[in-house]
Amino acid sequence: MGSWLPLQPPGIVGVVSNPSAAGQEAEGKIYRFFWALEPDLFEGLPAILGDLGPAPFQDGSSGNAAWAADGFLFHLLPQSSEPGQAVPAGSHVRLNLQTGAREVKLQEEDKFQSNLKGLKKGRRLDINTNTYTSQDLKSALAKFKEGAEVESSKEDKARQAKVKRLFRPIEELKRDFEELNVIIETDMQIMVRLINKFNSSSSSLEEKIAALFDLEYYVHQMDNAQDLLSFGGLQVVINGLNSTEPLVKEYAAFVLGAAFSSNPKVQVEAIEGGALQKLLVILATEQPLPAKKKVLFALCSLLRHFPYAQQQFLKLGGLQVLRSLVQAKGTEMLAVRVVTLLYDLVTEKQMFAEKEAELTQETSPEKLQQYRQVLLLPGLREQGWCEIIAHLLALPEHDAREKVLQTLGALLATCRDRYRQDPQLNRTLVSLQAEYQALAALELQDGEDEGYFRELLGSINSLLKELR
């Protein structure tokens, strides 16, 4: 066990640190040298550190004298018994109860004591039993700095090599693909090629359909759909709805539905290009069921969140067209889609009416005026949709019934008196109530407190309560 040394002035602690470490003591980046000096040796300290001259500035963090050389800082931290005074790292500090003085026990104390005796005899400080001159110290610091740069350079080279292994320059990839007779095309170039293929009189029906099928994949992206406008591709597809081939109509509508979806710019261009009239004509005429299914998909995409299109839809007799479609035989699948569309349009209109004050701050005056001119609810009542939708409850599928129940609830304020005058609706609701009570009970037995059938039962009970 070594003895404890009094921590009192005028001792000095010298610290050599690398400023690039941002003041933090990173392992391998900071070295410390300690001296315990007599008062008459204080003036000779620069000679120990090297020909640094007098301290040119004060250390901003502690206010102590500091030298700078070769990118390193030399801090002189006077030892004292004042609280908070810096001491060598790893040292043990205690309060001597007999003298009241603070004492420090340094690491490698024997070596420290040996160096201390040597200094008192006028010899240069001996660290690690070797004598270091000022030139030796500068050389060691230079090598340390050089080593850090070499290490950093090695890390950068290793990172660059890793990136090169993972990625290759586009020019190199193009050259490789050219050797394989593969051409890299942008989405725009691909769409132009597909439109040209579809619009070419020399293309076969199979080639036209394949071009439309591939084009539908690309126009799902909003930017691609808008790029379709830049070279007239959208109008070419719209004109495809006039084809005498049902498959061309079907896949042209498929592309349009994908392009219209949540894309106002394309929706506006489609209305101006006559897409709405062409879609309604196909739905109103004799066409294969798959073609009408895709056309109905395009119509839904065009009308949603586009009040001007909804207004034009009503003016062109769109509700009558959909009524004939629903009442035709073998169109149950289309009937569910039509009911879903009407539900979306009704709820969109109701949401606008409820939040018109808030929408005024966020929506353009033109769009607000367009919403006010969409007389959807009066049109549904006049066209007999209250009764049509009520009769669709007879559909056997649970999913279809769910959509019909939702639409009945949305139209309740408009069709309440019609519902009450329809005895068939009341009988159907009572029958469905008994059916879903049994199904909901089975769900409860299986541990489903909020099951699907329980939700349907709640909708039925709510309608029956409103119609009493």
Protein backbone atom coordinates (compact mmCIF):
# COMPACT_ATOMS: atom_id res chain seq x y z
CA MET A 1 0.00 0.00 0.00
CA GLY A 2 1.46 3.39 -0.93
CA SER A 3 1.19 6.53 1.14
CA TRP A 4 -1.25 9.35 0.52
CA LEU A 5 0.07 12.68 -0.82
CA PRO A 6 -1.35 16.04 0.23
CA LEU A 7 -3.31 17.65 -2.61
CA GLN A 8 -2.14 21.25 -2.22
CA PRO A 9 -0.63 23.89 -4.49
CA PRO A 10 1.71 24.58 -6.16
CA GLY A 11 1.59 21.13 -7.82
CA ILE A 12 0.72 20.93 -11.57
CA VAL A 13 -1.02 18.31 -13.67
CA GLY A 14 -0.24 18.33 -17.39
CA VAL A 15 -2.78 16.82 -19.83
CA VAL A 16 -2.11 16.19 -23.54
CA SER A 17 -5.36 15.78 -25.51
CA ASN A 18 -6.43 15.58 -29.15
CA PRO A 19 -8.88 18.42 -29.98
CA SER A 20 -10.44 16.34 -32.78
CA ALA A 21 -12.01 14.18 -30.09
CA ALA A 22 -14.34 17.15 -29.41
CA GLY A 23 -13.20 17.37 -25.80
CA GLN A 24 -14.24 13.80 -25.01
CA GLU A 25 -11.74 11.27 -23.67
CA ALA A 26 -11.98 8.55 -26.30
CA GLU A 27 -9.93 5.41 -25.73
CA GLY A 28 -6.74 5.47 -27.77
CA LYS A 29 -7.15 9.19 -28.52
CA ILE A 30 -5.95 10.89 -25.30
CA TYR A 31 -2.73 10.51 -23.33
CA ARG A 32 -2.06 11.97 -19.89
CA PHE A 33 1.28 13.02 -18.30
CA PHE A 34 1.48 14.07 -14.68
CA TRP A 35 4.06 16.10 -12.81
CA ALA A 36 4.30 17.17 -9.17
CA LEU A 37 6.51 20.23 -9.15
CA GLU A 38 8.06 22.51 -6.63
CA PRO A 39 7.24 26.25 -6.97
CA ASP A 40 10.64 27.05 -8.49
CA LEU A 41 10.08 24.50 -11.26
CA PHE A 42 6.81 26.05 -12.54
CA GLU A 43 8.62 28.45 -14.86
CA GLY A 44 10.62 25.60 -16.37
CA LEU A 45 7.58 23.53 -17.42
CA PRO A 46 7.55 24.68 -21.10
CA ALA A 47 11.02 23.22 -21.46
CA ILE A 48 9.65 19.85 -20.33
CA LEU A 49 6.81 19.97 -22.86
CA GLY A 50 9.03 21.30 -25.62
CA ASP A 51 9.75 24.68 -27.11
CA LEU A 52 6.14 25.79 -26.96
CA GLY A 53 6.81 29.22 -25.54
CA PRO A 54 4.61 30.92 -22.95
CA ALA A 55 0.95 29.86 -22.72
CA PRO A 56 -0.75 31.69 -25.62
CA PHE A 57 -4.30 31.36 -24.29
CA GLN A 58 -6.42 30.15 -21.42
CA ASP A 59 -8.27 26.83 -21.60
CA GLY A 60 -11.90 27.86 -22.10
CA SER A 61 -13.28 24.97 -20.06
CA SER A 62 -11.20 25.52 -16.93
CA GLY A 63 -9.45 28.84 -17.33
CA ASN A 64 -6.05 27.22 -16.95
CA ALA A 65 -2.98 27.89 -19.06
CA ALA A 66 -2.75 25.89 -22.28
CA TRP A 67 -0.31 25.36 -25.17
CA ALA A 68 -1.09 24.13 -28.69
CA ALA A 69 1.31 22.18 -30.91
CA ASP A 70 0.84 19.81 -33.86
CA GLY A 71 -2.93 19.77 -33.41
CA PHE A 72 -2.77 18.85 -29.67
CA LEU A 73 -3.50 20.84 -26.55
CA PHE A 74 -1.36 20.89 -23.44
CA HIS A 75 -3.41 21.84 -20.36
CA LEU A 76 -1.81 22.88 -17.08
CA LEU A 77 -4.21 22.13 -14.25
CA PRO A 78 -2.94 23.41 -10.87
CA GLN A 79 -3.66 21.05 -8.03
CA SER A 80 -5.37 22.56 -5.02
CA SER A 81 -7.59 21.61 -2.17
CA GLU A 82 -10.52 23.60 -3.58
CA PRO A 83 -13.68 21.59 -4.32
CA GLY A 84 -14.08 20.57 -7.96
CA GLN A 85 -10.35 20.84 -8.72
CA ALA A 86 -9.19 18.41 -11.46
CA VAL A 87 -6.93 15.51 -10.40
CA PRO A 88 -5.26 12.78 -12.48
CA ALA A 89 -7.67 10.19 -13.87
CA GLY A 90 -7.91 7.06 -11.72
CA SER A 91 -6.66 8.81 -8.60
CA HIS A 92 -8.23 8.20 -5.18
CA VAL A 93 -9.06 11.30 -3.13
CA ARG A 94 -9.82 11.43 0.63
CA LEU A 95 -10.23 13.98 3.42
CA ASN A 96 -7.63 13.70 6.19
CA LEU A 97 -9.68 14.07 9.41
CA GLN A 98 -6.60 14.92 11.46
CA THR A 99 -5.27 17.75 9.29
CA GLY A 100 -8.45 18.67 7.41
CA ALA A 101 -6.56 18.57 4.11
CA ARG A 102 -7.59 16.70 0.95
CA GLU A 103 -5.14 13.99 -0.12
CA VAL A 104 -4.69 12.11 -3.39
CA LYS A 105 -3.35 8.62 -4.00
CA LEU A 106 -2.03 8.32 -7.56
CA GLN A 107 -1.86 5.21 -9.71
CA GLU A 108 1.62 3.70 -10.09
CA GLU A 109 2.68 5.64 -7.00
CA ASP A 110 6.18 4.19 -6.79
CA LYS A 111 6.98 5.45 -10.27
CA PHE A 112 5.45 8.82 -9.38
CA GLN A 113 7.57 9.10 -6.22
CA SER A 114 10.69 8.18 -8.18
CA ASN A 115 10.01 10.83 -10.80
CA LEU A 116 9.27 13.37 -8.09
CA LYS A 117 12.66 12.78 -6.43
CA GLY A 118 14.36 13.06 -9.79
CA LEU A 119 12.72 16.41 -10.49
CA LYS A 120 13.83 17.78 -7.13
CA LYS A 121 17.41 16.90 -8.09
CA GLY A 122 17.09 18.83 -11.35
CA ARG A 123 16.70 15.82 -13.69
CA ARG A 124 14.19 15.71 -16.54
CA LEU A 125 10.96 13.83 -15.85
CA ASP A 126 11.35 10.11 -16.55
CA ILE A 127 8.24 8.42 -17.85
CA ASN A 128 8.11 4.63 -18.31
CA THR A 129 11.78 4.53 -17.16
CA ASN A 130 12.87 6.15 -20.44
CA THR A 131 14.08 9.71 -20.91
CA TYR A 132 12.01 11.73 -23.40
CA THR A 133 13.30 14.92 -24.94
CA SER A 134 11.03 17.59 -26.37
CA GLN A 135 11.79 16.29 -29.86
CA ASP A 136 10.87 12.76 -28.79
CA LEU A 137 7.54 14.02 -27.49
CA LYS A 138 6.81 15.94 -30.70
CA SER A 139 7.74 12.90 -32.78
CA ALA A 140 5.52 10.62 -30.71
CA LEU A 141 2.59 13.02 -31.03
CA ALA A 142 3.13 13.31 -34.78
CA LYS A 143 3.12 9.52 -35.12
CA PHE A 144 -0.04 9.35 -33.01
CA LYS A 145 -1.75 11.86 -35.28
CA GLU A 146 -0.51 10.03 -38.38
CA GLY A 147 -1.77 6.74 -36.98
CA ALA A 148 -5.21 8.21 -36.43
CA GLU A 149 -5.29 9.43 -40.02
CA VAL A 150 -4.15 6.06 -41.33
CA GLU A 151 -6.82 4.31 -39.26
CA SER A 152 -9.47 6.70 -40.54
CA SER A 153 -8.23 6.19 -44.10
CA LYS A 154 -8.44 2.43 -43.70
CA GLU A 155 -12.00 2.69 -42.40
CA ASP A 156 -13.02 4.88 -45.34
CA LYS A 157 -11.47 2.48 -47.83
CA ALA A 158 -13.21 -0.47 -46.18
CA ARG A 159 -16.56 1.33 -46.29
CA GLN A 160 -16.09 2.28 -49.95
CA ALA A 161 -15.18 -1.29 -50.80
CA LYS A 162 -18.34 -2.52 -49.08
CA VAL A 163 -20.48 -0.05 -51.02
CA LYS A 164 -18.88 -1.13 -54.29
CA ARG A 165 -19.68 -4.75 -53.48
CA LEU A 166 -23.34 -3.92 -52.81
CA PHE A 167 -23.95 -1.43 -55.62
CA ARG A 168 -22.73 -0.92 -59.14
CA PRO A 169 -22.64 2.27 -61.23
CA ILE A 170 -25.58 2.72 -63.59
CA GLU A 171 -23.20 3.08 -66.57
CA GLU A 172 -21.70 -0.31 -65.80
CA LEU A 173 -25.14 -1.88 -65.48
CA LYS A 174 -26.22 -0.39 -68.80
CA ARG A 175 -23.16 -1.80 -70.51
CA ASP A 176 -23.86 -5.24 -69.06
CA PHE A 177 -27.49 -5.12 -70.14
CA GLU A 178 -26.53 -3.97 -73.61
CA GLU A 179 -24.27 -6.98 -73.92
CA LEU A 180 -27.27 -9.12 -72.96
CA ASN A 181 -29.48 -7.24 -75.45
CA VAL A 182 -31.53 -5.83 -72.56
CA ILE A 183 -32.54 -2.15 -72.71
CA ILE A 184 -33.19 -0.21 -69.49
CA GLU A 185 -36.31 1.95 -69.87
CA THR A 186 -37.92 4.52 -67.58
CA ASP A 187 -41.58 4.20 -66.66
CA MET A 188 -42.37 7.01 -69.06
CA GLN A 189 -40.64 5.25 -71.95
CA ILE A 190 -42.43 2.01 -71.13
CA MET A 191 -45.84 3.71 -71.08
CA VAL A 192 -45.16 5.42 -74.40
CA ARG A 193 -44.20 2.08 -75.93
CA LEU A 194 -47.32 0.37 -74.53
CA ILE A 195 -49.63 3.13 -75.78
CA ASN A 196 -48.05 2.93 -79.22
CA LYS A 197 -48.51 -0.83 -79.23
CA PHE A 198 -52.16 -0.51 -78.20
CA ASN A 199 -52.87 2.26 -80.70
CA SER A 200 -51.13 0.59 -83.64
CA SER A 201 -53.40 -0.76 -86.37
CA SER A 202 -50.89 -3.51 -87.01
CA SER A 203 -51.18 -4.89 -83.45
CA SER A 204 -53.30 -7.98 -82.94
CA LEU A 205 -56.09 -8.15 -80.35
CA GLU A 206 -53.87 -10.18 -78.05
CA GLU A 207 -51.09 -7.58 -78.30
CA LYS A 208 -53.51 -4.76 -77.54
CA ILE A 209 -54.88 -6.54 -74.49
CA ALA A 210 -51.36 -7.35 -73.27
CA ALA A 211 -50.35 -3.70 -73.66
CA LEU A 212 -53.36 -2.53 -71.63
CA PHE A 213 -52.74 -5.16 -68.98
CA ASP A 214 -49.14 -4.00 -68.54
CA LEU A 215 -50.14 -0.34 -68.63
CA GLU A 216 -52.57 -0.81 -65.75
CA TYR A 217 -49.66 -1.83 -63.53
CA TYR A 218 -47.80 1.44 -64.16
CA VAL A 219 -50.68 3.92 -63.85
CA HIS A 220 -51.38 2.82 -60.28
CA GLN A 221 -48.62 5.29 -59.36
CA MET A 222 -49.97 8.84 -59.26
CA ASP A 223 -47.00 10.36 -61.07
CA ASN A 224 -47.16 7.79 -63.85
CA ALA A 225 -50.88 8.39 -64.30
CA GLN A 226 -50.24 12.11 -64.67
CA ASP A 227 -47.38 11.45 -67.08
CA LEU A 228 -49.91 9.57 -69.19
CA LEU A 229 -51.52 12.94 -69.86
CA SER A 230 -48.34 14.57 -71.11
CA PHE A 231 -48.18 12.59 -74.34
CA GLY A 232 -51.91 12.03 -74.91
CA GLY A 233 -51.95 8.46 -73.65
CA LEU A 234 -55.03 8.94 -71.43
CA GLN A 235 -57.18 10.05 -74.37
CA VAL A 236 -56.03 7.04 -76.39
CA VAL A 237 -57.22 4.73 -73.62
CA ILE A 238 -60.53 6.64 -73.28
CA ASN A 239 -61.09 6.24 -77.02
CA GLY A 240 -60.57 2.51 -76.50
CA LEU A 241 -63.97 2.46 -74.76
CA ASN A 242 -65.51 2.92 -78.24
CA SER A 243 -64.00 -0.33 -79.50
CA THR A 244 -66.27 -3.01 -80.88
CA GLU A 245 -64.23 -5.62 -79.02
CA PRO A 246 -65.59 -6.26 -75.49
CA LEU A 247 -62.14 -7.23 -74.25
CA VAL A 248 -60.68 -3.92 -75.35
CA LYS A 249 -63.47 -2.07 -73.53
CA GLU A 250 -62.91 -4.18 -70.44
CA TYR A 251 -59.16 -3.63 -70.21
CA ALA A 252 -59.36 0.03 -71.24
CA ALA A 253 -61.78 0.58 -68.35
CA PHE A 254 -59.40 -1.37 -66.11
CA VAL A 255 -56.57 1.05 -66.95
CA LEU A 256 -58.80 4.09 -66.49
CA GLY A 257 -60.03 2.93 -63.09
CA ALA A 258 -56.46 2.60 -61.86
CA ALA A 259 -55.48 6.00 -63.28
CA PHE A 260 -58.54 7.85 -61.86
CA SER A 261 -58.16 6.56 -58.31
CA SER A 262 -57.37 9.46 -55.91
CA ASN A 263 -55.84 11.45 -58.77
CA PRO A 264 -57.78 14.73 -59.25
CA LYS A 265 -55.68 15.94 -62.19
CA VAL A 266 -56.41 12.79 -64.17
CA GLN A 267 -60.09 12.87 -63.15
CA VAL A 268 -60.47 16.39 -64.55
CA GLU A 269 -58.81 15.42 -67.83
CA ALA A 270 -61.04 12.35 -68.06
CA ILE A 271 -64.23 14.41 -67.72
CA GLU A 272 -63.02 16.81 -70.39
CA GLY A 273 -62.10 13.86 -72.61
CA GLY A 274 -65.65 12.41 -72.48
CA ALA A 275 -64.83 9.39 -70.30
CA LEU A 276 -68.00 9.69 -68.17
CA GLN A 277 -70.38 9.55 -71.15
CA LYS A 278 -68.58 6.56 -72.64
CA LEU A 279 -68.65 4.64 -69.35
CA LEU A 280 -72.39 5.22 -68.90
CA VAL A 281 -73.09 4.11 -72.48
CA ILE A 282 -71.35 0.79 -71.89
CA LEU A 283 -73.31 0.23 -68.66
CA ALA A 284 -76.60 1.06 -70.40
CA THR A 285 -76.08 -1.28 -73.35
CA GLU A 286 -75.79 -5.01 -73.75
CA GLN A 287 -72.25 -5.98 -72.78
CA PRO A 288 -70.57 -9.01 -71.18
CA LEU A 289 -70.65 -9.01 -67.40
CA PRO A 290 -66.81 -8.81 -66.99
CA ALA A 291 -66.73 -5.68 -69.15
CA LYS A 292 -69.49 -4.01 -67.12
CA LYS A 293 -67.68 -4.96 -63.92
CA LYS A 294 -64.50 -3.15 -65.00
CA VAL A 295 -66.50 -0.18 -66.36
CA LEU A 296 -68.30 0.14 -63.02
CA PHE A 297 -64.91 0.12 -61.30
CA ALA A 298 -63.75 2.99 -63.52
CA LEU A 299 -66.97 4.91 -62.86
CA CYS A 300 -66.55 4.57 -59.08
CA SER A 301 -62.95 5.81 -59.28
CA LEU A 302 -64.02 8.78 -61.39
CA LEU A 303 -66.90 9.91 -59.13
CA ARG A 304 -65.38 9.56 -55.66
CA HIS A 305 -64.22 12.89 -54.14
CA PHE A 306 -64.95 14.69 -57.40
CA PRO A 307 -68.17 16.74 -56.99
CA TYR A 308 -68.12 18.13 -60.53
CA ALA A 309 -68.12 14.59 -61.95
CA GLN A 310 -70.96 13.66 -59.57
CA GLN A 311 -72.95 16.64 -60.80
CA GLN A 312 -72.41 15.63 -64.43
CA PHE A 313 -73.28 12.03 -63.55
CA LEU A 314 -76.69 13.13 -62.28
CA LYS A 315 -77.30 15.35 -65.32
CA LEU A 316 -76.48 12.50 -67.72
CA GLY A 317 -79.01 10.19 -66.04
CA GLY A 318 -76.44 8.11 -64.17
CA LEU A 319 -78.91 7.05 -61.45
CA GLN A 320 -81.32 5.68 -64.07
CA VAL A 321 -78.48 3.75 -65.72
CA LEU A 322 -77.46 2.20 -62.39
CA ARG A 323 -81.10 1.39 -61.54
CA SER A 324 -81.51 -0.55 -64.78
CA LEU A 325 -78.21 -2.32 -64.11
CA VAL A 326 -79.28 -3.41 -60.62
CA GLN A 327 -82.73 -4.59 -61.68
CA ALA A 328 -81.43 -6.72 -64.56
CA LYS A 329 -81.24 -10.48 -64.04
CA GLY A 330 -77.93 -12.06 -63.16
CA THR A 331 -76.34 -8.83 -61.99
CA GLU A 332 -76.32 -9.46 -58.23
CA MET A 333 -72.55 -8.98 -58.12
CA LEU A 334 -72.89 -5.61 -59.82
CA ALA A 335 -75.79 -4.67 -57.52
CA VAL A 336 -73.56 -4.91 -54.45
CA ARG A 337 -70.96 -2.70 -56.14
CA VAL A 338 -73.61 -0.15 -57.08
CA VAL A 339 -74.92 -0.04 -53.51
CA THR A 340 -71.37 0.43 -52.23
CA LEU A 341 -70.86 3.34 -54.65
CA LEU A 342 -74.10 5.01 -53.58
CA TYR A 343 -73.19 4.58 -49.91
CA ASP A 344 -69.81 6.24 -50.52
CA LEU A 345 -71.39 9.15 -52.39
CA VAL A 346 -74.11 9.66 -49.75
CA THR A 347 -71.67 9.60 -46.82
CA GLU A 348 -69.31 11.93 -48.69
CA LYS A 349 -72.18 14.38 -49.24
CA GLN A 350 -73.27 14.13 -45.59
CA MET A 351 -69.74 14.68 -44.34
CA PHE A 352 -69.51 17.80 -46.47
CA ALA A 353 -72.79 19.14 -45.06
CA GLU A 354 -71.70 18.47 -41.46
CA LYS A 355 -68.25 20.01 -41.83
CA GLU A 356 -68.94 22.71 -44.39
CA ALA A 357 -67.61 25.44 -42.05
CA GLU A 358 -64.31 23.63 -41.62
CA LEU A 359 -64.06 22.76 -45.29
CA THR A 360 -64.47 26.43 -46.19
CA GLN A 361 -61.01 27.09 -44.78
CA GLU A 362 -59.35 24.22 -46.64
CA THR A 363 -61.36 23.82 -49.85
CA SER A 364 -61.54 26.15 -52.82
CA PRO A 365 -64.79 28.13 -53.25
CA GLU A 366 -65.31 26.45 -56.63
CA LYS A 367 -65.27 22.98 -55.08
CA LEU A 368 -67.65 24.08 -52.30
CA GLN A 369 -70.06 25.37 -54.92
CA GLN A 370 -69.81 22.08 -56.82
CA TYR A 371 -70.68 20.08 -53.70
CA ARG A 372 -73.74 22.26 -53.10
CA GLN A 373 -74.96 21.55 -56.64
CA VAL A 374 -74.77 17.75 -56.21
CA LEU A 375 -78.45 16.98 -55.53
CA LEU A 376 -77.84 13.31 -54.85
CA LEU A 377 -80.33 12.59 -52.05
CA PRO A 378 -83.37 14.09 -53.83
CA GLY A 379 -82.39 12.20 -56.96
CA LEU A 380 -82.19 8.89 -55.10
CA ARG A 381 -85.64 9.43 -53.61
CA GLU A 382 -87.19 10.42 -56.90
CA GLN A 383 -85.62 7.49 -58.78
CA GLY A 384 -87.02 4.96 -56.30
CA TRP A 385 -83.73 3.97 -54.74
CA CYS A 386 -85.28 3.82 -51.25
CA GLU A 387 -87.29 0.75 -52.27
CA ILE A 388 -84.62 -0.72 -54.55
CA ILE A 389 -81.98 -0.79 -51.82
CA ALA A 390 -84.44 -2.14 -49.25
CA HIS A 391 -85.29 -5.10 -51.50
CA LEU A 392 -81.59 -5.94 -51.88
CA LEU A 393 -81.63 -7.18 -48.27
CA ALA A 394 -82.89 -10.44 -49.74
CA LEU A 395 -79.39 -11.17 -51.07
CA PRO A 396 -78.03 -14.30 -49.37
CA GLU A 397 -74.43 -13.19 -48.77
CA HIS A 398 -73.62 -11.65 -45.38
CA ASP A 399 -71.21 -9.17 -46.96
CA ALA A 400 -73.90 -7.93 -49.37
CA ARG A 401 -76.39 -7.57 -46.52
CA GLU A 402 -73.86 -5.58 -44.53
CA LYS A 403 -73.42 -3.06 -47.35
CA VAL A 404 -77.19 -2.78 -47.86
CA LEU A 405 -77.76 -2.22 -44.14
CA GLN A 406 -75.12 0.52 -44.13
CA THR A 407 -76.76 2.25 -47.10
CA LEU A 408 -80.23 1.97 -45.53
CA GLY A 409 -78.88 3.68 -42.44
CA ALA A 410 -77.25 6.43 -44.51
CA LEU A 411 -80.55 7.06 -46.36
CA LEU A 412 -82.71 6.90 -43.24
CA ALA A 413 -83.30 10.66 -43.01
CA THR A 414 -84.26 10.81 -46.71
CA CYS A 415 -86.27 7.58 -46.97
CA ARG A 416 -87.80 7.15 -43.49
CA ASP A 417 -91.43 7.48 -44.65
CA ARG A 418 -90.81 5.13 -47.61
CA TYR A 419 -89.28 2.56 -45.29
CA ARG A 420 -92.25 2.70 -42.94
CA GLN A 421 -94.68 2.21 -45.83
CA ASP A 422 -92.82 -0.88 -47.05
CA PRO A 423 -94.18 -3.95 -45.21
CA GLN A 424 -91.72 -6.24 -46.97
CA LEU A 425 -88.80 -4.33 -45.48
CA ASN A 426 -90.15 -4.78 -41.96
CA ARG A 427 -90.64 -8.52 -42.46
CA THR A 428 -87.15 -8.90 -43.90
CA LEU A 429 -85.59 -7.02 -40.98
CA VAL A 430 -87.45 -9.15 -38.42
CA SER A 431 -86.38 -12.34 -40.18
CA LEU A 432 -82.76 -11.21 -40.33
CA GLN A 433 -82.94 -10.20 -36.67
CA ALA A 434 -83.79 -13.75 -35.64
CA GLU A 435 -81.11 -15.20 -37.91
CA TYR A 436 -78.35 -12.97 -36.61
CA GLN A 437 -79.40 -13.38 -32.98
CA ALA A 438 -78.63 -17.08 -33.33
CA LEU A 439 -75.35 -16.44 -35.12
CA ALA A 440 -74.33 -13.80 -32.55
CA ALA A 441 -75.07 -16.29 -29.75
CA LEU A 442 -72.72 -18.80 -31.35
CA GLU A 443 -70.05 -16.09 -31.49
CA LEU A 444 -70.47 -15.44 -27.79
CA GLN A 445 -70.04 -19.14 -27.07
CA ASP A 446 -66.77 -19.01 -28.95
CA GLY A 447 -65.63 -16.09 -26.81
CA GLU A 448 -66.13 -13.33 -29.42
CA ASP A 449 -67.74 -10.42 -27.58
CA GLU A 450 -67.58 -8.05 -30.57
CA GLY A 451 -68.10 -10.46 -33.46
CA TYR A 452 -69.14 -9.78 -37.06
CA PHE A 453 -72.69 -11.08 -36.68
CA ARG A 454 -73.17 -9.10 -33.50
CA GLU A 455 -72.39 -5.91 -35.46
CA LEU A 456 -74.91 -6.83 -38.14
CA LEU A 457 -77.50 -7.54 -35.46
CA GLY A 458 -76.85 -4.12 -33.97
CA SER A 459 -77.50 -2.46 -37.35
CA ILE A 460 -80.78 -4.35 -37.75
CA ASN A 461 -81.94 -3.48 -34.23
CA SER A 462 -81.12 0.18 -34.82
CA LEU A 463 -83.15 0.26 -38.05
CA LEU A 464 -86.14 -1.46 -36.45
CA LYS A 465 -86.05 1.02 -33.59
CA GLU A 466 -85.99 4.00 -35.96
CA LEU A 467 -88.88 2.66 -38.05
CA ARG A 468 -91.32 2.07 -35.15
